[in-house]
């Protein structure tokens, strides 16, 4: 595999995992807790506006 192909495969894998985690969170009723953790993670990455 070439480097761009490996990068694309990694991106697709992570995207698929994120979708699966979303489905699991919503079906188990734990989406609010799950999304609050994601929101906190994103807030630490972005500067305060």
C-alpha atoms as a PDB file:
ATOM      1  CA  UNK A   1       0.000   0.000   0.000  1.00  0.00           C
ATOM      2  CA  UNK A   2       1.163   3.503  -0.731  1.00  0.00           C
ATOM      3  CA  UNK A   3       1.175   6.227   1.904  1.00  0.00           C
ATOM      4  CA  UNK A   4      -1.977   8.005   0.603  1.00  0.00           C
ATOM      5  CA  UNK A   5      -3.791   4.664   0.491  1.00  0.00           C
ATOM      6  CA  UNK A   6      -2.831   3.909   4.104  1.00  0.00           C
ATOM      7  CA  UNK A   7      -3.992   7.363   5.168  1.00  0.00           C
ATOM      8  CA  UNK A   8      -7.332   6.906   3.424  1.00  0.00           C
ATOM      9  CA  UNK A   9      -7.785   3.453   4.949  1.00  0.00           C
ATOM     10  CA  UNK A  10      -7.114   4.861   8.421  1.00  0.00           C
ATOM     11  CA  UNK A  11      -9.558   7.730   7.867  1.00  0.00           C
ATOM     12  CA  UNK A  12     -12.279   5.358   6.661  1.00  0.00           C
ATOM     13  CA  UNK A  13     -11.674   3.022   9.598  1.00  0.00           C
ATOM     14  CA  UNK A  14     -11.948   5.846  12.128  1.00  0.00           C
ATOM     15  CA  UNK A  15     -15.065   7.173  10.431  1.00  0.00           C
ATOM     16  CA  UNK A  16     -16.685   3.741  10.530  1.00  0.00           C
ATOM     17  CA  UNK A  17     -15.839   3.343  14.210  1.00  0.00           C
ATOM     18  CA  UNK A  18     -17.351   6.747  14.971  1.00  0.00           C
ATOM     19  CA  UNK A  19     -20.590   5.811  13.188  1.00  0.00           C
ATOM     20  CA  UNK A  20     -20.787   2.495  15.051  1.00  0.00           C
ATOM     21  CA  UNK A  21     -20.180   4.220  18.401  1.00  0.00           C
ATOM     22  CA  UNK A  22     -22.962   6.701  17.567  1.00  0.00           C
ATOM     23  CA  UNK A  23     -25.389   3.894  16.775  1.00  0.00           C
ATOM     24  CA  UNK A  24     -24.518   2.052  19.988  1.00  0.00           C
ATOM     25  CA  UNK A  25     -24.835   5.215  22.091  1.00  0.00           C
ATOM     26  CA  UNK A  26     -28.237   6.088  20.659  1.00  0.00           C
ATOM     27  CA  UNK A  27     -29.656   2.565  20.897  1.00  0.00           C
ATOM     28  CA  UNK A  28     -28.452   2.100  24.494  1.00  0.00           C
ATOM     29  CA  UNK A  29     -29.781   5.464  25.629  1.00  0.00           C
ATOM     30  CA  UNK A  30     -26.335   6.708  26.622  1.00  0.00           C
ATOM     31  CA  UNK A  31     -26.045   9.266  23.857  1.00  0.00           C
ATOM     32  CA  UNK A  32     -26.229  12.288  26.172  1.00  0.00           C
ATOM     33  CA  UNK A  33     -23.226  11.113  28.186  1.00  0.00           C
ATOM     34  CA  UNK A  34     -21.373  10.093  25.028  1.00  0.00           C
ATOM     35  CA  UNK A  35     -21.959  13.401  23.273  1.00  0.00           C
ATOM     36  CA  UNK A  36     -21.029  15.448  26.338  1.00  0.00           C
ATOM     37  CA  UNK A  37     -17.630  13.724  26.345  1.00  0.00           C
ATOM     38  CA  UNK A  38     -17.201  14.475  22.630  1.00  0.00           C
ATOM     39  CA  UNK A  39     -18.232  18.091  23.203  1.00  0.00           C
ATOM     40  CA  UNK A  40     -15.680  18.415  26.013  1.00  0.00           C
ATOM     41  CA  UNK A  41     -12.942  16.909  23.817  1.00  0.00           C
ATOM     42  CA  UNK A  42     -13.695  19.282  20.934  1.00  0.00           C
ATOM     43  CA  UNK A  43     -13.840  22.257  23.298  1.00  0.00           C
ATOM     44  CA  UNK A  44     -10.315  21.482  24.500  1.00  0.00           C
ATOM     45  CA  UNK A  45      -9.065  21.426  20.907  1.00  0.00           C
ATOM     46  CA  UNK A  46     -10.676  24.668  19.781  1.00  0.00           C
ATOM     47  CA  UNK A  47      -9.755  28.087  21.116  1.00  0.00           C
ATOM     48  CA  UNK A  48     -12.396  29.891  23.106  1.00  0.00           C
ATOM     49  CA  UNK A  49     -14.334  32.229  20.837  1.00  0.00           C
END
